Amino acid sequence: MKEIRYPGLTLLLALLAPLLLPGCVGVAVVGAGSAAMSAIDRRTTGVQIEDERIELVASNRFGEKYGDKAHINITSYNRSVLLTGEVPDAAARDEVGKIVQGVPNVRRITNDLVAGPASSLSARATDTGITGKVKARFVDANKFNAVHVKVITEASVVYLLGIVTEAEANDAVEIARTTSGVRKVVKVFEYCKPSDPACAPRGGDKPKAEDAAKK
């Protein structure tokens, strides 16, 4: 079965709702948590929305092309796209990459799709559990703001995305690498210096564990 992920749909709706529903008091309640996370995120609000758009557009195109013949996960972070999952053959893998290239404003693609049978539901559940453990250990270690590192797990391989300093990247890799069940860690980071505007402190204190788990 093809898996279409909408990881930040709540954020997208919360950010767009004030424009679509002026004067709606309920928007403030629904979007309060997402708005706080958005303020901490090192991506601009515009880029966060663009990442959501890229994922939604590409997912719809995958569905039209492959239906339930493929299990494709797409993650866009700062307009850099990570593709994971399984497709029928190498030709399909290349075709999915071309589909993403055709989505406006995509800057970079990391295509880690595998040609082969779709993963089982139990394998995907295991991956979800690994992602949760890695995120929890990020918060417990308290070495960096866990919101700044996005964790994706596929076939027990952990992918780390985010805009980070070299020190933050090293800490994140070490924590993920030593987490139970992790087979391999792949860095899909973009790097900045602590003095760069993107990596300057924003949004106050480090998030609580439940907030970091949403990323």
C-alpha atoms as a PDB file:
ATOM      1  CA  MET A   1       0.000   0.000   0.000  1.00  0.00           C
ATOM      2  CA  LYS A   2       1.330   3.433  -0.895  1.00  0.00           C
ATOM      3  CA  GLU A   3       1.955   5.653   2.092  1.00  0.00           C
ATOM      4  CA  ILE A   4       1.258   9.352   1.658  1.00  0.00           C
ATOM      5  CA  ARG A   5       2.494  11.386   4.595  1.00  0.00           C
ATOM      6  CA  TYR A   6       1.197  14.766   5.703  1.00  0.00           C
ATOM      7  CA  PRO A   7       3.645  15.394   8.584  1.00  0.00           C
ATOM      8  CA  GLY A   8       2.973  19.088   9.043  1.00  0.00           C
ATOM      9  CA  LEU A   9      -0.525  19.563   7.776  1.00  0.00           C
ATOM     10  CA  THR A  10      -1.629  21.060  11.099  1.00  0.00           C
ATOM     11  CA  LEU A  11       1.140  23.643  10.828  1.00  0.00           C
ATOM     12  CA  LEU A  12       0.211  24.488   7.257  1.00  0.00           C
ATOM     13  CA  LEU A  13      -3.476  24.930   8.081  1.00  0.00           C
ATOM     14  CA  ALA A  14      -2.652  26.949  11.172  1.00  0.00           C
ATOM     15  CA  LEU A  15      -0.439  29.301   9.181  1.00  0.00           C
ATOM     16  CA  LEU A  16      -2.878  29.708   6.308  1.00  0.00           C
ATOM     17  CA  ALA A  17      -6.100  29.873   8.314  1.00  0.00           C
ATOM     18  CA  PRO A  18      -5.749  33.528   9.383  1.00  0.00           C
ATOM     19  CA  LEU A  19      -5.618  34.457   5.698  1.00  0.00           C
ATOM     20  CA  LEU A  20      -8.555  32.264   4.748  1.00  0.00           C
ATOM     21  CA  LEU A  21     -10.752  32.800   7.806  1.00  0.00           C
ATOM     22  CA  PRO A  22     -10.257  36.336   9.120  1.00  0.00           C
ATOM     23  CA  GLY A  23     -11.800  36.901  12.512  1.00  0.00           C
ATOM     24  CA  CYS A  24     -12.095  33.207  13.349  1.00  0.00           C
ATOM     25  CA  VAL A  25     -11.313  32.919  17.058  1.00  0.00           C
ATOM     26  CA  GLY A  26     -10.891  29.122  16.918  1.00  0.00           C
ATOM     27  CA  VAL A  27      -7.790  29.427  14.747  1.00  0.00           C
ATOM     28  CA  ALA A  28      -5.764  30.707  17.687  1.00  0.00           C
ATOM     29  CA  VAL A  29      -6.641  27.636  19.715  1.00  0.00           C
ATOM     30  CA  VAL A  30      -5.955  25.089  16.968  1.00  0.00           C
ATOM     31  CA  GLY A  31      -2.687  26.624  15.872  1.00  0.00           C
ATOM     32  CA  ALA A  32      -1.178  27.656  19.203  1.00  0.00           C
ATOM     33  CA  GLY A  33       1.244  24.742  19.539  1.00  0.00           C
ATOM     34  CA  SER A  34       2.213  24.777  15.877  1.00  0.00           C
ATOM     35  CA  ALA A  35       2.821  28.518  15.966  1.00  0.00           C
ATOM     36  CA  ALA A  36       5.223  28.097  18.874  1.00  0.00           C
ATOM     37  CA  MET A  37       7.096  25.386  16.991  1.00  0.00           C
ATOM     38  CA  SER A  38       7.208  27.561  13.889  1.00  0.00           C
ATOM     39  CA  ALA A  39       8.864  30.364  15.858  1.00  0.00           C
ATOM     40  CA  ILE A  40      11.630  28.018  17.035  1.00  0.00           C
ATOM     41  CA  ASP A  41      12.207  26.494  13.593  1.00  0.00           C
ATOM     42  CA  ARG A  42      15.298  27.784  11.775  1.00  0.00           C
ATOM     43  CA  ARG A  43      13.401  27.849   8.498  1.00  0.00           C
ATOM     44  CA  THR A  44      11.380  30.953   7.780  1.00  0.00           C
ATOM     45  CA  THR A  45       7.607  30.624   7.990  1.00  0.00           C
ATOM     46  CA  GLY A  46       7.440  30.969   4.218  1.00  0.00           C
ATOM     47  CA  VAL A  47       9.861  28.100   3.694  1.00  0.00           C
ATOM     48  CA  GLN A  48       7.973  25.912   6.174  1.00  0.00           C
ATOM     49  CA  ILE A  49       4.813  26.447   4.129  1.00  0.00           C
ATOM     50  CA  GLU A  50       6.728  25.789   0.915  1.00  0.00           C
ATOM     51  CA  ASP A  51       8.035  22.494   2.314  1.00  0.00           C
ATOM     52  CA  GLU A  52       4.467  21.446   3.060  1.00  0.00           C
ATOM     53  CA  ARG A  53       3.379  22.400  -0.437  1.00  0.00           C
ATOM     54  CA  ILE A  54       6.224  20.424  -2.025  1.00  0.00           C
ATOM     55  CA  GLU A  55       5.292  17.305  -0.047  1.00  0.00           C
ATOM     56  CA  LEU A  56       1.595  17.587  -0.859  1.00  0.00           C
ATOM     57  CA  VAL A  57       2.084  18.240  -4.576  1.00  0.00           C
ATOM     58  CA  ALA A  58       4.628  15.457  -5.004  1.00  0.00           C
ATOM     59  CA  SER A  59       2.547  12.976  -2.968  1.00  0.00           C
ATOM     60  CA  ASN A  60      -0.473  13.630  -5.173  1.00  0.00           C
ATOM     61  CA  ARG A  61       1.609  13.053  -8.287  1.00  0.00           C
ATOM     62  CA  PHE A  62       3.001   9.786  -6.870  1.00  0.00           C
ATOM     63  CA  GLY A  63      -0.530   8.628  -6.176  1.00  0.00           C
ATOM     64  CA  GLU A  64      -1.663   9.351  -9.707  1.00  0.00           C
ATOM     65  CA  LYS A  65       1.341   7.520 -11.166  1.00  0.00           C
ATOM     66  CA  TYR A  66       1.726   4.479  -8.899  1.00  0.00           C
ATOM     67  CA  GLY A  67      -1.333   4.138  -6.674  1.00  0.00           C
ATOM     68  CA  ASP A  68      -0.747   1.241  -4.279  1.00  0.00           C
ATOM     69  CA  LYS A  69       2.119  -0.210  -6.333  1.00  0.00           C
ATOM     70  CA  ALA A  70       4.739   1.691  -4.358  1.00  0.00           C
ATOM     71  CA  HIS A  71       5.514   2.816  -0.815  1.00  0.00           C
ATOM     72  CA  ILE A  72       6.991   6.294  -1.165  1.00  0.00           C
ATOM     73  CA  ASN A  73       7.834   8.679   1.659  1.00  0.00           C
ATOM     74  CA  ILE A  74       8.733  12.270   0.822  1.00  0.00           C
ATOM     75  CA  THR A  75      10.219  14.732   3.297  1.00  0.00           C
ATOM     76  CA  SER A  76      11.016  18.303   2.298  1.00  0.00           C
ATOM     77  CA  TYR A  77      13.191  20.395   4.599  1.00  0.00           C
ATOM     78  CA  ASN A  78      14.297  23.855   3.502  1.00  0.00           C
ATOM     79  CA  ARG A  79      13.195  22.780   0.001  1.00  0.00           C
ATOM     80  CA  SER A  80      15.651  19.860  -0.007  1.00  0.00           C
ATOM     81  CA  VAL A  81      13.747  16.613  -0.609  1.00  0.00           C
ATOM     82  CA  LEU A  82      14.473  13.183   0.861  1.00  0.00           C
ATOM     83  CA  LEU A  83      12.829  10.167  -0.791  1.00  0.00           C
ATOM     84  CA  THR A  84      12.653   6.859   1.069  1.00  0.00           C
ATOM     85  CA  GLY A  85      10.643   3.689   0.711  1.00  0.00           C
ATOM     86  CA  GLU A  86      10.209   1.033  -1.951  1.00  0.00           C
ATOM     87  CA  VAL A  87       9.273   1.105  -5.641  1.00  0.00           C
ATOM     88  CA  PRO A  88       8.789  -1.735  -8.149  1.00  0.00           C
ATOM     89  CA  ASP A  89      12.077  -1.293 -10.038  1.00  0.00           C
ATOM     90  CA  ALA A  90      15.018   0.999 -10.805  1.00  0.00           C
ATOM     91  CA  ALA A  91      13.079   2.704 -13.592  1.00  0.00           C
ATOM     92  CA  ALA A  92      10.369   3.670 -11.118  1.00  0.00           C
ATOM     93  CA  ARG A  93      13.009   4.998  -8.730  1.00  0.00           C
ATOM     94  CA  ASP A  94      14.366   7.285 -11.436  1.00  0.00           C
ATOM     95  CA  GLU A  95      10.860   8.310 -12.500  1.00  0.00           C
ATOM     96  CA  VAL A  96       9.937   9.337  -8.944  1.00  0.00           C
ATOM     97  CA  GLY A  97      13.058  11.489  -8.839  1.00  0.00           C
ATOM     98  CA  LYS A  98      11.994  13.193 -12.057  1.00  0.00           C
ATOM     99  CA  ILE A  99       8.523  13.794 -10.645  1.00  0.00           C
ATOM    100  CA  VAL A 100      10.051  15.620  -7.679  1.00  0.00           C
ATOM    101  CA  GLN A 101      12.351  17.600  -9.967  1.00  0.00           C
ATOM    102  CA  GLY A 102       9.222  18.836 -11.714  1.00  0.00           C
ATOM    103  CA  VAL A 103       7.790  20.342  -8.522  1.00  0.00           C
ATOM    104  CA  PRO A 104       8.564  24.087  -8.428  1.00  0.00           C
ATOM    105  CA  ASN A 105      11.169  25.400  -5.954  1.00  0.00           C
ATOM    106  CA  VAL A 106      12.798  22.055  -5.071  1.00  0.00           C
ATOM    107  CA  ARG A 107      16.484  22.784  -4.554  1.00  0.00           C
ATOM    108  CA  ARG A 108      17.983  19.339  -3.989  1.00  0.00           C
ATOM    109  CA  ILE A 109      16.922  15.688  -4.002  1.00  0.00           C
ATOM    110  CA  THR A 110      18.323  12.760  -2.001  1.00  0.00           C
ATOM    111  CA  ASN A 111      16.798   9.687  -3.633  1.00  0.00           C
ATOM    112  CA  ASP A 112      17.167   6.686  -1.328  1.00  0.00           C
ATOM    113  CA  LEU A 113      14.242   4.712  -2.737  1.00  0.00           C
ATOM    114  CA  VAL A 114      14.866   0.972  -2.977  1.00  0.00           C
ATOM    115  CA  ALA A 115      13.705  -1.243  -5.843  1.00  0.00           C
ATOM    116  CA  GLY A 116      11.839  -4.111  -4.237  1.00  0.00           C
ATOM    117  CA  PRO A 117       8.683  -5.213  -2.410  1.00  0.00           C
ATOM    118  CA  ALA A 118       6.943  -2.713  -0.155  1.00  0.00           C
ATOM    119  CA  SER A 119       7.892  -2.940   3.502  1.00  0.00           C
ATOM    120  CA  SER A 120       5.537  -4.710   5.899  1.00  0.00           C
ATOM    121  CA  LEU A 121       3.349  -2.892   8.406  1.00  0.00           C
ATOM    122  CA  SER A 122       5.402  -4.407  11.230  1.00  0.00           C
ATOM    123  CA  ALA A 123       8.625  -3.055   9.708  1.00  0.00           C
ATOM    124  CA  ARG A 124       7.083   0.406   9.451  1.00  0.00           C
ATOM    125  CA  ALA A 125       5.935   0.194  13.056  1.00  0.00           C
ATOM    126  CA  THR A 126       9.507  -0.676  14.064  1.00  0.00           C
ATOM    127  CA  ASP A 127      10.774   2.358  12.154  1.00  0.00           C
ATOM    128  CA  THR A 128       8.233   4.585  13.910  1.00  0.00           C
ATOM    129  CA  GLY A 129       9.429   3.265  17.256  1.00  0.00           C
ATOM    130  CA  ILE A 130      13.063   3.968  16.381  1.00  0.00           C
ATOM    131  CA  THR A 131      12.207   7.521  15.347  1.00  0.00           C
ATOM    132  CA  GLY A 132      10.478   8.069  18.684  1.00  0.00           C
ATOM    133  CA  LYS A 133      13.430   6.716  20.645  1.00  0.00           C
ATOM    134  CA  VAL A 134      15.911   8.921  18.779  1.00  0.00           C
ATOM    135  CA  LYS A 135      13.800  12.039  19.352  1.00  0.00           C
ATOM    136  CA  ALA A 136      13.404  11.233  23.036  1.00  0.00           C
ATOM    137  CA  ARG A 137      17.153  10.762  23.424  1.00  0.00           C
ATOM    138  CA  PHE A 138      17.765  14.123  21.720  1.00  0.00           C
ATOM    139  CA  VAL A 139      15.624  15.799  24.368  1.00  0.00           C
ATOM    140  CA  ASP A 140      17.168  13.832  27.250  1.00  0.00           C
ATOM    141  CA  ALA A 141      20.722  14.624  26.117  1.00  0.00           C
ATOM    142  CA  ASN A 142      19.887  18.353  26.001  1.00  0.00           C
ATOM    143  CA  LYS A 143      22.905  19.081  23.777  1.00  0.00           C
ATOM    144  CA  PHE A 144      20.952  21.012  21.142  1.00  0.00           C
ATOM    145  CA  ASN A 145      17.413  22.101  20.391  1.00  0.00           C
ATOM    146  CA  ALA A 146      15.691  18.901  19.275  1.00  0.00           C
ATOM    147  CA  VAL A 147      13.312  20.867  17.054  1.00  0.00           C
ATOM    148  CA  HIS A 148      16.213  21.711  14.759  1.00  0.00           C
ATOM    149  CA  VAL A 149      16.845  18.090  13.755  1.00  0.00           C
ATOM    150  CA  LYS A 150      14.181  16.159  11.852  1.00  0.00           C
ATOM    151  CA  VAL A 151      14.328  12.365  12.140  1.00  0.00           C
ATOM    152  CA  ILE A 152      13.135   9.959   9.440  1.00  0.00           C
ATOM    153  CA  THR A 153      13.577   6.180   9.758  1.00  0.00           C
ATOM    154  CA  GLU A 154      13.294   3.678   6.924  1.00  0.00           C
ATOM    155  CA  ALA A 155      14.315   0.000   7.236  1.00  0.00           C
ATOM    156  CA  SER A 156      16.073   0.876  10.535  1.00  0.00           C
ATOM    157  CA  VAL A 157      18.203   3.490   8.749  1.00  0.00           C
ATOM    158  CA  VAL A 158      17.919   6.899  10.426  1.00  0.00           C
ATOM    159  CA  TYR A 159      18.047  10.021   8.272  1.00  0.00           C
ATOM    160  CA  LEU A 160      18.798  13.314   9.992  1.00  0.00           C
ATOM    161  CA  LEU A 161      17.729  16.593   8.387  1.00  0.00           C
ATOM    162  CA  GLY A 162      17.976  20.172   9.538  1.00  0.00           C
ATOM    163  CA  ILE A 163      19.903  23.426   9.486  1.00  0.00           C
ATOM    164  CA  VAL A 164      22.592  22.816  12.091  1.00  0.00           C
ATOM    165  CA  THR A 165      26.076  23.688  13.207  1.00  0.00           C
ATOM    166  CA  GLU A 166      28.826  21.107  12.865  1.00  0.00           C
ATOM    167  CA  ALA A 167      28.788  20.493  16.617  1.00  0.00           C
ATOM    168  CA  GLU A 168      25.019  19.960  16.617  1.00  0.00           C
ATOM    169  CA  ALA A 169      25.328  17.552  13.696  1.00  0.00           C
ATOM    170  CA  ASN A 170      28.027  15.535  15.452  1.00  0.00           C
ATOM    171  CA  ASP A 171      25.986  15.300  18.640  1.00  0.00           C
ATOM    172  CA  ALA A 172      22.853  14.271  16.747  1.00  0.00           C
ATOM    173  CA  VAL A 173      24.688  11.574  14.791  1.00  0.00           C
ATOM    174  CA  GLU A 174      26.293  10.136  17.914  1.00  0.00           C
ATOM    175  CA  ILE A 175      22.990   9.979  19.765  1.00  0.00           C
ATOM    176  CA  ALA A 176      21.171   8.411  16.808  1.00  0.00           C
ATOM    177  CA  ARG A 177      24.004   5.966  16.107  1.00  0.00           C
ATOM    178  CA  THR A 178      23.941   4.617  19.649  1.00  0.00           C
ATOM    179  CA  THR A 179      20.148   4.239  19.804  1.00  0.00           C
ATOM    180  CA  SER A 180      18.867   0.679  20.044  1.00  0.00           C
ATOM    181  CA  GLY A 181      17.687  -0.750  16.729  1.00  0.00           C
ATOM    182  CA  VAL A 182      19.443   1.781  14.499  1.00  0.00           C
ATOM    183  CA  ARG A 183      21.291   0.077  11.661  1.00  0.00           C
ATOM    184  CA  LYS A 184      22.809   3.139  10.013  1.00  0.00           C
ATOM    185  CA  VAL A 185      22.701   6.950  10.189  1.00  0.00           C
ATOM    186  CA  VAL A 186      22.574   9.137   7.082  1.00  0.00           C
ATOM    187  CA  LYS A 187      23.191  12.883   7.331  1.00  0.00           C
ATOM    188  CA  VAL A 188      21.055  15.111   5.098  1.00  0.00           C
ATOM    189  CA  PHE A 189      22.009  18.294   6.939  1.00  0.00           C
ATOM    190  CA  GLU A 190      22.615  21.837   5.813  1.00  0.00           C
ATOM    191  CA  TYR A 191      25.347  23.494   7.848  1.00  0.00           C
ATOM    192  CA  CYS A 192      25.689  26.949   9.315  1.00  0.00           C
ATOM    193  CA  LYS A 193      27.891  28.711  11.837  1.00  0.00           C
ATOM    194  CA  PRO A 194      26.628  29.786  15.280  1.00  0.00           C
ATOM    195  CA  SER A 195      27.136  33.392  14.180  1.00  0.00           C
ATOM    196  CA  ASP A 196      24.973  32.974  11.065  1.00  0.00           C
ATOM    197  CA  PRO A 197      21.464  34.484  11.241  1.00  0.00           C
ATOM    198  CA  ALA A 198      19.846  31.102  10.546  1.00  0.00           C
ATOM    199  CA  CYS A 199      21.537  29.532  13.563  1.00  0.00           C
ATOM    200  CA  ALA A 200      21.120  32.447  15.927  1.00  0.00           C
ATOM    201  CA  PRO A 201      18.903  31.657  18.958  1.00  0.00           C
ATOM    202  CA  ARG A 202      15.220  32.080  18.150  1.00  0.00           C
ATOM    203  CA  GLY A 203      11.961  31.419  19.889  1.00  0.00           C
ATOM    204  CA  GLY A 204      13.106  31.152  23.488  1.00  0.00           C
ATOM    205  CA  ASP A 205      13.965  28.049  25.491  1.00  0.00           C
ATOM    206  CA  LYS A 206      14.419  24.521  24.244  1.00  0.00           C
ATOM    207  CA  PRO A 207      11.125  22.734  23.616  1.00  0.00           C
ATOM    208  CA  LYS A 208       9.528  20.193  25.848  1.00  0.00           C
ATOM    209  CA  ALA A 209       9.756  16.539  24.886  1.00  0.00           C
ATOM    210  CA  GLU A 210       6.186  16.474  23.575  1.00  0.00           C
ATOM    211  CA  ASP A 211       6.877  19.471  21.319  1.00  0.00           C
ATOM    212  CA  ALA A 212      10.036  17.973  19.849  1.00  0.00           C
ATOM    213  CA  ALA A 213       8.168  14.749  19.139  1.00  0.00           C
ATOM    214  CA  LYS A 214       5.920  16.621  16.712  1.00  0.00           C
ATOM    215  CA  LYS A 215       8.806  17.391  14.391  1.00  0.00           C
END
